[in-house]
Amino acid sequence: MLPAPEYLVEFATLMVAPAVGYVATAEPVASAGPEIVMGSVMIRLECGASASRIASVVHALTATP
């Protein structure tokens, strides 16, 4: 059994890939930047936004006047 989470929200890295023998070529896909959703507000950041940029937007959303 796993221990109880230390924080309310935790993140884990997940890598999904097909078996090595099945990959022929990489197909280009439309890239989109991160989306931050809080209630009825959705903010779409540019593709490649840095972690500090994302954190500053989230911090601004959670700030109280």
PDB file of N, CA and C in Angstrom:
ATOM      1  N   MET A   1       0.846  -1.165   0.000  1.00  0.00           N
ATOM      2  CA  MET A   1       0.000   0.000   0.000  1.00  0.00           C
ATOM      3  C   MET A   1       0.899   1.238   0.000  1.00  0.00           C
ATOM      4  N   LEU A   2       0.493   2.244  -0.776  1.00  0.00           N
ATOM      5  CA  LEU A   2       1.263   3.476  -0.858  1.00  0.00           C
ATOM      6  C   LEU A   2       0.974   4.378   0.334  1.00  0.00           C
ATOM      7  N   PRO A   3       1.946   5.169   0.734  1.00  0.00           N
ATOM      8  CA  PRO A   3       1.704   6.104   1.840  1.00  0.00           C
ATOM      9  C   PRO A   3       0.746   7.214   1.399  1.00  0.00           C
ATOM     10  N   ALA A   4       0.122   7.866   2.335  1.00  0.00           N
ATOM     11  CA  ALA A   4      -0.775   8.982   2.035  1.00  0.00           C
ATOM     12  C   ALA A   4       0.015  10.102   1.381  1.00  0.00           C
ATOM     13  N   PRO A   5      -0.595  10.838   0.441  1.00  0.00           N
ATOM     14  CA  PRO A   5       0.125  11.941  -0.195  1.00  0.00           C
ATOM     15  C   PRO A   5       0.543  12.994   0.819  1.00  0.00           C
ATOM     16  N   GLU A   6       1.710  13.554   0.594  1.00  0.00           N
ATOM     17  CA  GLU A   6       2.226  14.569   1.506  1.00  0.00           C
ATOM     18  C   GLU A   6       1.524  15.903   1.292  1.00  0.00           C
ATOM     19  N   TYR A   7       1.156  16.203   0.041  1.00  0.00           N
ATOM     20  CA  TYR A   7       0.506  17.462  -0.294  1.00  0.00           C
ATOM     21  C   TYR A   7      -0.853  17.176  -0.927  1.00  0.00           C
ATOM     22  N   LEU A   8      -1.701  18.194  -1.015  1.00  0.00           N
ATOM     23  CA  LEU A   8      -3.018  18.038  -1.612  1.00  0.00           C
ATOM     24  C   LEU A   8      -2.922  17.655  -3.088  1.00  0.00           C
ATOM     25  N   VAL A   9      -1.952  18.256  -3.785  1.00  0.00           N
ATOM     26  CA  VAL A   9      -1.749  17.971  -5.204  1.00  0.00           C
ATOM     27  C   VAL A   9      -0.325  17.480  -5.393  1.00  0.00           C
ATOM     28  N   GLU A  10      -0.173  16.373  -6.099  1.00  0.00           N
ATOM     29  CA  GLU A  10       1.150  15.854  -6.408  1.00  0.00           C
ATOM     30  C   GLU A  10       1.239  15.578  -7.902  1.00  0.00           C
ATOM     31  N   PHE A  11       2.435  15.659  -8.444  1.00  0.00           N
ATOM     32  CA  PHE A  11       2.646  15.440  -9.858  1.00  0.00           C
ATOM     33  C   PHE A  11       3.573  14.240 -10.057  1.00  0.00           C
ATOM     34  N   ALA A  12       3.353  13.540 -11.148  1.00  0.00           N
ATOM     35  CA  ALA A  12       4.213  12.411 -11.482  1.00  0.00           C
ATOM     36  C   ALA A  12       4.512  12.467 -12.970  1.00  0.00           C
ATOM     37  N   THR A  13       5.687  12.052 -13.355  1.00  0.00           N
ATOM     38  CA  THR A  13       6.052  11.997 -14.757  1.00  0.00           C
ATOM     39  C   THR A  13       5.519  10.714 -15.356  1.00  0.00           C
ATOM     40  N   LEU A  14       4.937  10.829 -16.538  1.00  0.00           N
ATOM     41  CA  LEU A  14       4.403   9.658 -17.230  1.00  0.00           C
ATOM     42  C   LEU A  14       4.922   9.693 -18.657  1.00  0.00           C
ATOM     43  N   MET A  15       5.571   8.620 -19.058  1.00  0.00           N
ATOM     44  CA  MET A  15       6.058   8.533 -20.428  1.00  0.00           C
ATOM     45  C   MET A  15       5.350   7.358 -21.092  1.00  0.00           C
ATOM     46  N   VAL A  16       4.726   7.644 -22.223  1.00  0.00           N
ATOM     47  CA  VAL A  16       4.003   6.607 -22.953  1.00  0.00           C
ATOM     48  C   VAL A  16       4.626   6.499 -24.333  1.00  0.00           C
ATOM     49  N   ALA A  17       4.981   5.288 -24.715  1.00  0.00           N
ATOM     50  CA  ALA A  17       5.578   5.083 -26.027  1.00  0.00           C
ATOM     51  C   ALA A  17       5.226   3.680 -26.507  1.00  0.00           C
ATOM     52  N   PRO A  18       5.058   3.538 -27.807  1.00  0.00           N
ATOM     53  CA  PRO A  18       4.804   2.201 -28.336  1.00  0.00           C
ATOM     54  C   PRO A  18       6.061   1.340 -28.234  1.00  0.00           C
ATOM     55  N   ALA A  19       5.888   0.058 -28.438  1.00  0.00           N
ATOM     56  CA  ALA A  19       7.039  -0.843 -28.435  1.00  0.00           C
ATOM     57  C   ALA A  19       8.048  -0.361 -29.485  1.00  0.00           C
ATOM     58  N   VAL A  20       9.322  -0.539 -29.226  1.00  0.00           N
ATOM     59  CA  VAL A  20      10.385   0.004 -30.083  1.00  0.00           C
ATOM     60  C   VAL A  20      10.250  -0.445 -31.529  1.00  0.00           C
ATOM     61  N   GLY A  21       9.830  -1.651 -31.796  1.00  0.00           N
ATOM     62  CA  GLY A  21       9.744  -2.165 -33.160  1.00  0.00           C
ATOM     63  C   GLY A  21       8.669  -1.514 -34.004  1.00  0.00           C
ATOM     64  N   TYR A  22       7.744  -0.786 -33.424  1.00  0.00           N
ATOM     65  CA  TYR A  22       6.617  -0.250 -34.175  1.00  0.00           C
ATOM     66  C   TYR A  22       6.778   1.204 -34.607  1.00  0.00           C
ATOM     67  N   VAL A  23       7.807   1.870 -34.180  1.00  0.00           N
ATOM     68  CA  VAL A  23       7.989   3.282 -34.523  1.00  0.00           C
ATOM     69  C   VAL A  23       8.695   3.376 -35.870  1.00  0.00           C
ATOM     70  N   ALA A  24       7.999   3.967 -36.878  1.00  0.00           N
ATOM     71  CA  ALA A  24       8.599   4.124 -38.198  1.00  0.00           C
ATOM     72  C   ALA A  24       9.122   5.551 -38.363  1.00  0.00           C
ATOM     73  N   THR A  25       8.239   6.527 -38.261  1.00  0.00           N
ATOM     74  CA  THR A  25       8.626   7.932 -38.351  1.00  0.00           C
ATOM     75  C   THR A  25       7.750   8.731 -37.402  1.00  0.00           C
ATOM     76  N   ALA A  26       8.241   9.860 -37.008  1.00  0.00           N
ATOM     77  CA  ALA A  26       7.457  10.740 -36.148  1.00  0.00           C
ATOM     78  C   ALA A  26       6.547  11.590 -37.020  1.00  0.00           C
ATOM     79  N   GLU A  27       5.296  11.694 -36.610  1.00  0.00           N
ATOM     80  CA  GLU A  27       4.353  12.525 -37.343  1.00  0.00           C
ATOM     81  C   GLU A  27       4.245  13.875 -36.658  1.00  0.00           C
ATOM     82  N   PRO A  28       4.337  14.949 -37.436  1.00  0.00           N
ATOM     83  CA  PRO A  28       4.200  16.263 -36.813  1.00  0.00           C
ATOM     84  C   PRO A  28       2.771  16.468 -36.306  1.00  0.00           C
ATOM     85  N   VAL A  29       2.656  17.104 -35.169  1.00  0.00           N
ATOM     86  CA  VAL A  29       1.343  17.412 -34.606  1.00  0.00           C
ATOM     87  C   VAL A  29       1.292  18.902 -34.305  1.00  0.00           C
ATOM     88  N   ALA A  30       0.086  19.417 -34.281  1.00  0.00           N
ATOM     89  CA  ALA A  30      -0.069  20.833 -33.931  1.00  0.00           C
ATOM     90  C   ALA A  30       0.324  20.998 -32.471  1.00  0.00           C
ATOM     91  N   SER A  31       1.197  21.925 -32.215  1.00  0.00           N
ATOM     92  CA  SER A  31       1.614  22.128 -30.836  1.00  0.00           C
ATOM     93  C   SER A  31       0.834  23.290 -30.243  1.00  0.00           C
ATOM     94  N   ALA A  32       0.420  23.101 -29.038  1.00  0.00           N
ATOM     95  CA  ALA A  32      -0.303  24.151 -28.321  1.00  0.00           C
ATOM     96  C   ALA A  32       0.407  24.390 -27.010  1.00  0.00           C
ATOM     97  N   GLY A  33       0.328  25.598 -26.553  1.00  0.00           N
ATOM     98  CA  GLY A  33       0.951  25.931 -25.283  1.00  0.00           C
ATOM     99  C   GLY A  33       0.089  25.461 -24.125  1.00  0.00           C
ATOM    100  N   PRO A  34       0.578  25.647 -22.922  1.00  0.00           N
ATOM    101  CA  PRO A  34      -0.173  25.220 -21.742  1.00  0.00           C
ATOM    102  C   PRO A  34      -1.434  26.062 -21.547  1.00  0.00           C
ATOM    103  N   GLU A  35      -2.458  25.436 -20.993  1.00  0.00           N
ATOM    104  CA  GLU A  35      -3.695  26.134 -20.658  1.00  0.00           C
ATOM    105  C   GLU A  35      -3.866  26.099 -19.150  1.00  0.00           C
ATOM    106  N   ILE A  36      -4.202  27.235 -18.584  1.00  0.00           N
ATOM    107  CA  ILE A  36      -4.448  27.335 -17.147  1.00  0.00           C
ATOM    108  C   ILE A  36      -5.924  27.656 -16.981  1.00  0.00           C
ATOM    109  N   VAL A  37      -6.636  26.801 -16.250  1.00  0.00           N
ATOM    110  CA  VAL A  37      -8.065  26.993 -16.050  1.00  0.00           C
ATOM    111  C   VAL A  37      -8.329  27.190 -14.567  1.00  0.00           C
ATOM    112  N   MET A  38      -9.043  28.271 -14.247  1.00  0.00           N
ATOM    113  CA  MET A  38      -9.425  28.531 -12.865  1.00  0.00           C
ATOM    114  C   MET A  38     -10.852  29.067 -12.881  1.00  0.00           C
ATOM    115  N   GLY A  39     -11.787  28.236 -12.469  1.00  0.00           N
ATOM    116  CA  GLY A  39     -13.192  28.632 -12.528  1.00  0.00           C
ATOM    117  C   GLY A  39     -13.609  28.837 -13.966  1.00  0.00           C
ATOM    118  N   SER A  40     -14.156  30.001 -14.275  1.00  0.00           N
ATOM    119  CA  SER A  40     -14.609  30.293 -15.638  1.00  0.00           C
ATOM    120  C   SER A  40     -13.530  30.968 -16.482  1.00  0.00           C
ATOM    121  N   VAL A  41     -12.315  31.085 -15.943  1.00  0.00           N
ATOM    122  CA  VAL A  41     -11.222  31.752 -16.651  1.00  0.00           C
ATOM    123  C   VAL A  41     -10.286  30.704 -17.247  1.00  0.00           C
ATOM    124  N   MET A  42      -9.979  30.852 -18.548  1.00  0.00           N
ATOM    125  CA  MET A  42      -8.999  29.982 -19.196  1.00  0.00           C
ATOM    126  C   MET A  42      -7.938  30.871 -19.831  1.00  0.00           C
ATOM    127  N   ILE A  43      -6.697  30.612 -19.503  1.00  0.00           N
ATOM    128  CA  ILE A  43      -5.582  31.370 -20.072  1.00  0.00           C
ATOM    129  C   ILE A  43      -4.735  30.402 -20.877  1.00  0.00           C
ATOM    130  N   ARG A  44      -4.510  30.745 -22.140  1.00  0.00           N
ATOM    131  CA  ARG A  44      -3.657  29.937 -23.005  1.00  0.00           C
ATOM    132  C   ARG A  44      -2.338  30.679 -23.194  1.00  0.00           C
ATOM    133  N   LEU A  45      -1.270  30.028 -22.790  1.00  0.00           N
ATOM    134  CA  LEU A  45       0.059  30.623 -22.935  1.00  0.00           C
ATOM    135  C   LEU A  45       0.711  30.140 -24.221  1.00  0.00           C
ATOM    136  N   GLU A  46       1.736  30.856 -24.622  1.00  0.00           N
ATOM    137  CA  GLU A  46       2.447  30.509 -25.843  1.00  0.00           C
ATOM    138  C   GLU A  46       3.163  29.162 -25.685  1.00  0.00           C
ATOM    139  N   CYS A  47       3.329  28.485 -26.791  1.00  0.00           N
ATOM    140  CA  CYS A  47       4.057  27.217 -26.787  1.00  0.00           C
ATOM    141  C   CYS A  47       5.485  27.500 -26.348  1.00  0.00           C
ATOM    142  N   GLY A  48       6.000  26.715 -25.455  1.00  0.00           N
ATOM    143  CA  GLY A  48       7.359  26.901 -24.975  1.00  0.00           C
ATOM    144  C   GLY A  48       7.464  27.850 -23.805  1.00  0.00           C
ATOM    145  N   ALA A  49       6.317  28.204 -23.196  1.00  0.00           N
ATOM    146  CA  ALA A  49       6.347  29.088 -22.030  1.00  0.00           C
ATOM    147  C   ALA A  49       7.174  28.433 -20.929  1.00  0.00           C
ATOM    148  N   SER A  50       8.011  29.218 -20.290  1.00  0.00           N
ATOM    149  CA  SER A  50       8.881  28.666 -19.252  1.00  0.00           C
ATOM    150  C   SER A  50       8.081  28.356 -17.987  1.00  0.00           C
ATOM    151  N   ALA A  51       8.655  27.536 -17.146  1.00  0.00           N
ATOM    152  CA  ALA A  51       8.003  27.180 -15.882  1.00  0.00           C
ATOM    153  C   ALA A  51       7.801  28.416 -15.011  1.00  0.00           C
ATOM    154  N   SER A  52       8.759  29.343 -15.046  1.00  0.00           N
ATOM    155  CA  SER A  52       8.606  30.554 -14.234  1.00  0.00           C
ATOM    156  C   SER A  52       7.479  31.432 -14.768  1.00  0.00           C
ATOM    157  N   ARG A  53       7.291  31.464 -16.069  1.00  0.00           N
ATOM    158  CA  ARG A  53       6.169  32.221 -16.671  1.00  0.00           C
ATOM    159  C   ARG A  53       4.846  31.605 -16.251  1.00  0.00           C
ATOM    160  N   ILE A  54       4.738  30.293 -16.335  1.00  0.00           N
ATOM    161  CA  ILE A  54       3.509  29.602 -15.947  1.00  0.00           C
ATOM    162  C   ILE A  54       3.230  29.853 -14.469  1.00  0.00           C
ATOM    163  N   ALA A  55       4.264  29.728 -13.642  1.00  0.00           N
ATOM    164  CA  ALA A  55       4.105  29.934 -12.192  1.00  0.00           C
ATOM    165  C   ALA A  55       3.668  31.358 -11.889  1.00  0.00           C
ATOM    166  N   SER A  56       4.197  32.342 -12.602  1.00  0.00           N
ATOM    167  CA  SER A  56       3.819  33.725 -12.323  1.00  0.00           C
ATOM    168  C   SER A  56       2.362  33.984 -12.700  1.00  0.00           C
ATOM    169  N   VAL A  57       1.870  33.366 -13.768  1.00  0.00           N
ATOM    170  CA  VAL A  57       0.466  33.525 -14.147  1.00  0.00           C
ATOM    171  C   VAL A  57      -0.437  32.861 -13.117  1.00  0.00           C
ATOM    172  N   VAL A  58      -0.080  31.663 -12.680  1.00  0.00           N
ATOM    173  CA  VAL A  58      -0.876  30.964 -11.653  1.00  0.00           C
ATOM    174  C   VAL A  58      -0.870  31.755 -10.363  1.00  0.00           C
ATOM    175  N   HIS A  59       0.274  32.283  -9.988  1.00  0.00           N
ATOM    176  CA  HIS A  59       0.372  33.083  -8.770  1.00  0.00           C
ATOM    177  C   HIS A  59      -0.532  34.311  -8.866  1.00  0.00           C
ATOM    178  N   ALA A  60      -0.529  34.973 -10.019  1.00  0.00           N
ATOM    179  CA  ALA A  60      -1.380  36.149 -10.204  1.00  0.00           C
ATOM    180  C   ALA A  60      -2.853  35.794 -10.137  1.00  0.00           C
ATOM    181  N   LEU A  61      -3.230  34.628 -10.650  1.00  0.00           N
ATOM    182  CA  LEU A  61      -4.633  34.191 -10.600  1.00  0.00           C
ATOM    183  C   LEU A  61      -5.093  33.916  -9.170  1.00  0.00           C
ATOM    184  N   THR A  62      -4.187  33.449  -8.346  1.00  0.00           N
ATOM    185  CA  THR A  62      -4.568  33.077  -6.987  1.00  0.00           C
ATOM    186  C   THR A  62      -4.399  34.208  -5.986  1.00  0.00           C
ATOM    187  N   ALA A  63      -3.848  35.333  -6.428  1.00  0.00           N
ATOM    188  CA  ALA A  63      -3.653  36.470  -5.526  1.00  0.00           C
ATOM    189  C   ALA A  63      -5.006  37.093  -5.164  1.00  0.00           C
ATOM    190  N   THR A  64      -5.139  37.508  -3.929  1.00  0.00           N
ATOM    191  CA  THR A  64      -6.383  38.165  -3.509  1.00  0.00           C
ATOM    192  C   THR A  64      -6.102  39.648  -3.292  1.00  0.00           C
ATOM    193  N   PRO A  65      -7.052  40.476  -3.683  1.00  0.00           N
ATOM    194  CA  PRO A  65      -6.829  41.929  -3.541  1.00  0.00           C
ATOM    195  C   PRO A  65      -6.859  42.377  -2.104  1.00  0.00           C
TER     196      PRO A  65
END
